[in-house]
Amino acid sequence: MIRRVIENFGLPLLLLFVLIVVGTITFSIIEGRSLTDSFYYMITVLTTVGFGDITPSTLLGKIHFIIVISIGLALFGYFISTLASILSEERLAKMFPGLYGYFTDGGKLKDHAIIIGWNEYAKNAYEEFSLNGVDAVIIVNDEEEAKRLNKEGIKAYAGSLDDPATYEKLKFDDAKGIIIAFSDPTDTIVTILKIRRMTHKPPIISLIFDNELRDIVRQAGANGVINIAEVGGRLLANSLIEPKATDIEIDMLSRGGIDVMEYEVKGNLQDKSIEEIKDEISSHILAVSRDEQYVLRPSSKFKLRKGDRLILIGTSEEMERDTERLDKKK
């Protein structure tokens, strides 16, 4: 809000200052008053207090009064109307975040995704989070863009990563993770460094277009790096070589139809074998992730540990039911 007040009042405040200085000097010359008395006169006139102890006695002084009061009232009218507009808009924004385009209700955020920047990559990521039931919020620099996105039903926040309030309001430390969707590698690296200067807790996933940047982006603080050019290029080639297989690969990338899901093994499945759980689920166990390694097509005797991650493949509906069954299994 302070930034908005400065933006709206900067020039009018300068004009008011000039009016007071010029008015004080000219009134002193015209009426033969001291600068102190003239300054006092200007303040009483502009604030419309008008004690009447100092009044113009010459024709030029009266003309001076008319000019000063006309300009002064116009400036004060602008101040009052603009400030009232800002205050009322801020108040309404807090009551109805989607109405005026502000996302202010960060109190309910937990295990949410934070997306930095807005473009087609960010848009698709936001849609995928929504389909998977993950709360997500976009951070943009431009306030008008945040308003537009919120009016479209997209949670967006206009804020700076240099401002600690952004991290507090959007609860960075409670986030599932952060996605950086910039196409410019410089913006990506600078953004990662800014975030890591404030917090090291949430994982950061970043997109790149050049594999040579992979190590640099990781060194900056990213936990995961996706080379969009590499993924897109391979899909293009495979769509020609293996078109049907590629259709399934693309389908698996989005929620709905055939899907791949990651399920974290909890304490209730500790020491359970693959054989003990596979008959209770409809989807197929593609792999088990353990200690940064994958066990592909684990044998029926493979024992699970708490913290393992099952990589399941099947339809979205099947896996939603399966995860509920696994959570309840004793």
Protein backbone atom coordinates (compact mmCIF):
# COMPACT_ATOMS: atom_id res chain seq x y z
CA MET A 1 0.00 0.00 0.00
CA ILE A 2 2.85 2.42 0.83
CA ARG A 3 4.22 1.96 -2.67
CA ARG A 4 0.81 2.77 -4.15
CA VAL A 5 0.51 5.93 -2.03
CA ILE A 6 3.95 7.10 -3.20
CA GLU A 7 3.09 6.37 -6.83
CA ASN A 8 -0.22 8.26 -6.63
CA PHE A 9 0.90 11.17 -4.44
CA GLY A 10 4.48 11.79 -5.53
CA LEU A 11 3.77 14.47 -8.16
CA PRO A 12 0.88 16.16 -6.30
CA LEU A 13 3.01 16.45 -3.16
CA LEU A 14 5.77 18.06 -5.19
CA LEU A 15 3.27 20.51 -6.68
CA LEU A 16 1.91 21.31 -3.22
CA PHE A 17 5.43 22.00 -1.93
CA VAL A 18 6.13 24.29 -4.89
CA LEU A 19 2.80 26.07 -4.34
CA ILE A 20 3.60 26.73 -0.67
CA VAL A 21 7.12 28.02 -1.40
CA VAL A 22 6.13 30.21 -4.35
CA GLY A 23 2.95 31.39 -2.62
CA THR A 24 4.83 32.35 0.55
CA ILE A 25 7.43 34.36 -1.34
CA THR A 26 4.94 36.13 -3.64
CA PHE A 27 2.53 36.99 -0.80
CA SER A 28 5.43 38.43 1.20
CA ILE A 29 6.41 40.64 -1.76
CA ILE A 30 2.86 41.70 -2.65
CA GLU A 31 1.63 42.44 0.88
CA GLY A 32 4.94 43.46 2.45
CA ARG A 33 4.70 40.76 5.08
CA SER A 34 7.53 38.76 6.65
CA LEU A 35 8.23 35.27 5.29
CA THR A 36 7.05 33.83 8.61
CA ASP A 37 3.70 35.60 8.41
CA SER A 38 3.38 34.73 4.71
CA PHE A 39 4.07 31.05 5.37
CA TYR A 40 1.51 31.08 8.19
CA TYR A 41 -1.00 32.70 5.84
CA MET A 42 -0.40 30.05 3.15
CA ILE A 43 -0.94 27.18 5.56
CA THR A 44 -4.20 28.65 6.95
CA VAL A 45 -5.48 29.28 3.42
CA LEU A 46 -4.58 25.83 2.03
CA THR A 47 -6.02 24.02 5.03
CA THR A 48 -9.13 26.28 4.83
CA VAL A 49 -8.78 27.11 8.52
CA GLY A 50 -8.88 30.85 7.80
CA PHE A 51 -8.41 32.51 11.20
CA GLY A 52 -8.69 35.93 9.51
CA ASP A 53 -5.81 37.47 11.44
CA ILE A 54 -3.83 37.86 8.20
CA THR A 55 -5.78 38.82 5.08
CA PRO A 56 -4.81 40.36 1.73
CA SER A 57 -5.29 44.13 1.61
CA THR A 58 -4.32 44.82 -2.01
CA LEU A 59 -5.89 43.86 -5.33
CA LEU A 60 -2.89 41.69 -6.24
CA GLY A 61 -3.10 40.05 -2.82
CA LYS A 62 -6.74 39.16 -3.40
CA ILE A 63 -5.94 37.73 -6.84
CA HIS A 64 -3.10 35.82 -5.22
CA PHE A 65 -5.59 34.39 -2.69
CA ILE A 66 -8.00 33.27 -5.45
CA ILE A 67 -5.21 31.49 -7.37
CA VAL A 68 -3.76 29.81 -4.27
CA ILE A 69 -7.11 28.60 -2.90
CA SER A 70 -8.20 27.28 -6.32
CA ILE A 71 -5.03 25.23 -6.86
CA GLY A 72 -4.86 24.17 -3.22
CA LEU A 73 -8.44 22.89 -3.08
CA ALA A 74 -7.91 20.94 -6.30
CA LEU A 75 -4.79 19.25 -4.87
CA PHE A 76 -6.43 18.46 -1.53
CA GLY A 77 -9.49 17.10 -3.32
CA TYR A 78 -7.22 14.80 -5.32
CA PHE A 79 -5.44 13.63 -2.14
CA ILE A 80 -8.65 12.83 -0.29
CA SER A 81 -10.40 11.01 -3.17
CA THR A 82 -7.33 8.97 -4.11
CA LEU A 83 -6.52 8.00 -0.53
CA ALA A 84 -10.14 7.00 0.11
CA SER A 85 -10.08 4.88 -3.06
CA ILE A 86 -6.88 3.10 -2.02
CA LEU A 87 -8.10 2.45 1.53
CA SER A 88 -11.48 1.14 0.40
CA GLU A 89 -9.90 -1.05 -2.30
CA GLU A 90 -7.43 -2.53 0.19
CA ARG A 91 -10.27 -3.22 2.63
CA LEU A 92 -12.41 -4.88 -0.01
CA ALA A 93 -9.42 -6.85 -1.28
CA LYS A 94 -8.94 -8.42 2.14
CA MET A 95 -12.62 -9.30 2.39
CA PHE A 96 -12.97 -10.58 -1.19
CA PRO A 97 -9.49 -11.50 -2.57
CA GLY A 98 -10.84 -12.47 -5.98
CA LEU A 99 -12.85 -9.29 -6.50
CA TYR A 100 -10.07 -6.77 -6.70
CA GLY A 101 -7.33 -9.12 -7.75
CA TYR A 102 -5.29 -9.48 -4.58
CA PHE A 103 -4.42 -12.79 -2.99
CA THR A 104 -4.13 -11.92 0.71
CA ASP A 105 -5.44 -14.98 2.54
CA GLY A 106 -2.20 -16.81 3.21
CA GLY A 107 -3.44 -18.11 6.57
CA LYS A 108 -4.81 -21.34 5.08
CA LEU A 109 -1.75 -22.23 3.04
CA LYS A 110 -0.12 -25.56 3.91
CA ASP A 111 1.71 -28.05 1.70
CA HIS A 112 1.03 -25.69 -1.17
CA ALA A 113 2.99 -25.01 -4.34
CA ILE A 114 4.50 -21.62 -5.10
CA ILE A 115 5.04 -20.71 -8.75
CA ILE A 116 7.34 -17.80 -9.55
CA GLY A 117 6.46 -15.98 -12.77
CA TRP A 118 3.57 -16.34 -15.19
CA ASN A 119 3.79 -17.81 -18.70
CA GLU A 120 2.55 -20.92 -20.49
CA TYR A 121 4.79 -23.18 -18.38
CA ALA A 122 3.44 -21.66 -15.17
CA LYS A 123 -0.13 -21.85 -16.48
CA ASN A 124 0.10 -25.57 -17.23
CA ALA A 125 1.82 -26.24 -13.90
CA TYR A 126 -0.96 -24.39 -12.07
CA GLU A 127 -3.63 -26.39 -13.90
CA GLU A 128 -1.87 -29.66 -13.08
CA PHE A 129 -1.65 -28.75 -9.41
CA SER A 130 -5.37 -27.97 -9.42
CA LEU A 131 -6.20 -31.31 -11.04
CA ASN A 132 -4.15 -33.09 -8.37
CA GLY A 133 -5.81 -31.21 -5.51
CA VAL A 134 -2.67 -29.25 -4.62
CA ASP A 135 -3.20 -25.63 -3.59
CA ALA A 136 -0.97 -23.31 -5.60
CA VAL A 137 -0.27 -19.58 -5.71
CA ILE A 138 1.48 -17.50 -8.37
CA ILE A 139 3.93 -14.72 -7.51
CA VAL A 140 4.23 -11.89 -10.04
CA ASN A 141 5.86 -8.47 -9.88
CA ASP A 142 3.04 -6.51 -11.49
CA GLU A 143 0.02 -5.64 -9.36
CA GLU A 144 -2.30 -5.28 -12.35
CA GLU A 145 -1.34 -8.74 -13.57
CA ALA A 146 -2.10 -10.16 -10.12
CA LYS A 147 -5.53 -8.51 -10.25
CA ARG A 148 -6.22 -9.94 -13.69
CA LEU A 149 -5.20 -13.47 -12.68
CA ASN A 150 -7.29 -13.41 -9.51
CA LYS A 151 -10.33 -12.28 -11.47
CA GLU A 152 -9.77 -15.33 -13.68
CA GLY A 153 -9.85 -17.57 -10.60
CA ILE A 154 -6.07 -18.00 -10.38
CA LYS A 155 -4.53 -17.28 -7.00
CA ALA A 156 -1.88 -14.65 -7.63
CA TYR A 157 0.14 -12.40 -5.34
CA ALA A 158 1.95 -9.25 -6.37
CA GLY A 159 5.10 -9.12 -4.29
CA SER A 160 8.87 -8.90 -4.28
CA LEU A 161 11.24 -11.69 -3.28
CA ASP A 162 13.35 -8.99 -1.62
CA ASP A 163 10.52 -8.30 0.82
CA PRO A 164 10.36 -10.56 3.93
CA ALA A 165 6.59 -9.99 4.04
CA THR A 166 6.21 -12.05 0.84
CA TYR A 167 7.78 -15.09 2.54
CA GLU A 168 5.66 -14.66 5.66
CA LYS A 169 2.37 -14.09 3.87
CA LEU A 170 2.80 -17.01 1.45
CA LYS A 171 4.35 -19.29 4.09
CA PHE A 172 7.37 -20.38 2.10
CA ASP A 173 8.60 -22.70 4.87
CA ASP A 174 5.30 -24.61 4.85
CA ALA A 175 5.23 -25.03 1.07
CA LYS A 176 5.43 -28.35 -0.71
CA GLY A 177 7.88 -26.70 -3.06
CA ILE A 178 8.64 -23.81 -5.37
CA ILE A 179 8.58 -23.82 -9.16
CA ILE A 180 10.50 -21.18 -11.09
CA ALA A 181 9.01 -20.77 -14.55
CA PHE A 182 11.28 -18.11 -16.05
CA SER A 183 12.67 -18.76 -19.52
CA ASP A 184 15.61 -16.39 -18.95
CA PRO A 185 18.41 -18.26 -17.10
CA THR A 186 19.66 -15.06 -15.48
CA ASP A 187 16.25 -14.39 -13.95
CA THR A 188 16.10 -18.01 -12.82
CA ILE A 189 19.48 -17.97 -11.06
CA VAL A 190 18.91 -14.58 -9.41
CA THR A 191 15.49 -15.74 -8.18
CA ILE A 192 16.91 -18.93 -6.67
CA LEU A 193 19.65 -16.98 -4.89
CA LYS A 194 17.09 -14.53 -3.46
CA ILE A 195 14.92 -17.36 -2.14
CA ARG A 196 17.85 -19.26 -0.66
CA ARG A 197 19.01 -16.10 1.07
CA MET A 198 15.69 -16.09 2.95
CA THR A 199 14.94 -19.80 3.38
CA HIS A 200 16.52 -23.19 2.64
CA LYS A 201 13.54 -25.31 3.64
CA PRO A 202 11.27 -25.67 0.58
CA PRO A 203 12.61 -27.57 -2.45
CA ILE A 204 13.02 -25.54 -5.64
CA ILE A 205 12.33 -26.96 -9.10
CA SER A 206 13.47 -24.90 -12.06
CA LEU A 207 13.17 -25.22 -15.82
CA ILE A 208 16.12 -24.70 -18.14
CA PHE A 209 16.68 -24.83 -21.88
CA ASP A 210 20.38 -25.68 -21.91
CA ASN A 211 22.00 -28.64 -20.16
CA GLU A 212 25.15 -26.59 -19.61
CA LEU A 213 23.19 -24.57 -17.06
CA ARG A 214 22.12 -27.60 -15.04
CA ASP A 215 25.05 -27.55 -12.60
CA ILE A 216 24.97 -23.76 -12.26
CA VAL A 217 21.26 -23.74 -11.40
CA ARG A 218 21.78 -26.55 -8.89
CA GLN A 219 24.70 -24.72 -7.31
CA ALA A 220 22.48 -21.66 -6.94
CA GLY A 221 20.15 -23.76 -4.77
CA ALA A 222 17.70 -25.63 -7.01
CA ASN A 223 16.83 -29.17 -5.91
CA GLY A 224 15.52 -30.24 -9.29
CA VAL A 225 16.10 -29.08 -12.85
CA ILE A 226 13.89 -29.84 -15.83
CA ASN A 227 15.32 -29.29 -19.31
CA ILE A 228 12.21 -28.33 -21.27
CA ALA A 229 14.07 -28.44 -24.59
CA GLU A 230 15.30 -31.97 -23.93
CA VAL A 231 11.89 -33.28 -22.84
CA GLY A 232 10.11 -31.58 -25.72
CA GLY A 233 12.67 -32.73 -28.26
CA ARG A 234 12.44 -36.36 -27.20
CA LEU A 235 8.65 -36.27 -27.30
CA LEU A 236 8.79 -34.82 -30.81
CA ALA A 237 11.10 -37.58 -32.02
CA ASN A 238 9.16 -40.35 -30.27
CA SER A 239 5.86 -39.09 -31.67
CA LEU A 240 7.23 -39.99 -35.09
CA ILE A 241 9.01 -43.22 -34.11
CA GLU A 242 6.49 -44.55 -31.58
CA PRO A 243 3.35 -42.40 -31.90
CA LYS A 244 1.03 -44.56 -29.79
CA ALA A 245 3.56 -44.96 -27.00
CA THR A 246 4.15 -41.22 -27.06
CA ASP A 247 0.42 -40.57 -26.72
CA ILE A 248 0.43 -42.60 -23.52
CA GLU A 249 3.57 -40.81 -22.27
CA ILE A 250 1.91 -37.44 -22.77
CA ASP A 251 -1.28 -38.69 -21.11
CA MET A 252 0.74 -39.83 -18.09
CA LEU A 253 2.16 -36.33 -17.67
CA SER A 254 -1.26 -34.91 -16.82
CA ARG A 255 -4.00 -35.85 -14.39
CA GLY A 256 -6.78 -37.94 -15.90
CA GLY A 257 -6.74 -41.06 -18.02
CA ILE A 258 -3.55 -43.08 -17.55
CA ASP A 259 -1.41 -41.62 -14.82
CA VAL A 260 1.75 -42.21 -12.83
CA MET A 261 1.54 -41.49 -9.11
CA GLU A 262 4.05 -41.37 -6.29
CA TYR A 263 2.93 -42.73 -2.91
CA GLU A 264 4.99 -42.35 0.26
CA VAL A 265 5.08 -45.48 2.39
CA LYS A 266 3.90 -44.81 5.94
CA GLY A 267 4.45 -46.68 9.17
CA ASN A 268 1.46 -48.95 8.65
CA LEU A 269 3.22 -50.55 5.67
CA GLN A 270 6.59 -50.98 7.40
CA ASP A 271 8.06 -54.44 6.59
CA LYS A 272 5.11 -55.33 4.38
CA SER A 273 6.06 -57.18 1.20
CA ILE A 274 4.96 -56.23 -2.30
CA GLU A 275 2.99 -59.47 -2.36
CA GLU A 276 0.98 -58.40 0.73
CA ILE A 277 -0.26 -55.17 -0.84
CA LYS A 278 -0.44 -55.78 -4.58
CA ASP A 279 -3.60 -57.86 -4.35
CA GLU A 280 -5.39 -54.99 -2.59
CA ILE A 281 -4.74 -52.37 -5.23
CA SER A 282 -5.85 -52.03 -8.83
CA SER A 283 -2.90 -50.04 -10.14
CA HIS A 284 0.50 -51.56 -10.90
CA ILE A 285 3.70 -51.00 -8.93
CA LEU A 286 6.20 -49.77 -11.48
CA ALA A 287 9.09 -49.13 -9.09
CA VAL A 288 10.09 -48.37 -5.52
CA SER A 289 12.26 -45.36 -4.74
CA ARG A 290 14.62 -45.81 -1.81
CA ASP A 291 17.66 -43.74 -0.81
CA GLU A 292 17.75 -41.87 -4.13
CA GLN A 293 17.72 -45.17 -6.07
CA TYR A 294 14.98 -47.01 -7.93
CA VAL A 295 14.08 -50.68 -7.73
CA LEU A 296 12.23 -51.38 -10.97
CA ARG A 297 9.47 -54.00 -10.92
CA PRO A 298 10.26 -55.10 -7.35
CA SER A 299 9.83 -58.79 -6.59
CA SER A 300 6.89 -60.03 -4.58
CA LYS A 301 9.21 -60.64 -1.59
CA PHE A 302 10.56 -57.09 -1.56
CA LYS A 303 10.04 -55.56 1.92
CA LEU A 304 8.92 -51.96 2.21
CA ARG A 305 10.32 -49.40 4.61
CA LYS A 306 8.77 -46.27 5.99
CA GLY A 307 9.74 -43.39 3.68
CA ASP A 308 9.96 -45.55 0.55
CA ARG A 309 8.01 -44.19 -2.40
CA LEU A 310 5.89 -46.45 -4.54
CA ILE A 311 5.68 -45.43 -8.20
CA LEU A 312 2.23 -46.53 -9.32
CA ILE A 313 0.78 -46.63 -12.82
CA GLY A 314 -2.87 -46.91 -13.71
CA THR A 315 -5.90 -44.71 -14.18
CA SER A 316 -6.30 -41.66 -11.98
CA GLU A 317 -9.49 -43.06 -10.45
CA GLU A 318 -7.83 -46.39 -9.62
CA MET A 319 -4.89 -44.75 -7.91
CA GLU A 320 -7.06 -42.42 -5.86
CA ARG A 321 -8.87 -45.47 -4.49
CA ASP A 322 -5.59 -47.36 -4.04
CA THR A 323 -3.94 -44.64 -1.99
CA GLU A 324 -6.96 -44.58 0.34
CA ARG A 325 -6.73 -48.36 0.76
CA LEU A 326 -3.00 -48.20 1.45
CA ASP A 327 -3.51 -45.50 4.07
CA LYS A 328 -6.03 -47.68 5.87
CA LYS A 329 -4.16 -50.97 5.59
CA LYS A 330 -3.00 -52.47 8.89
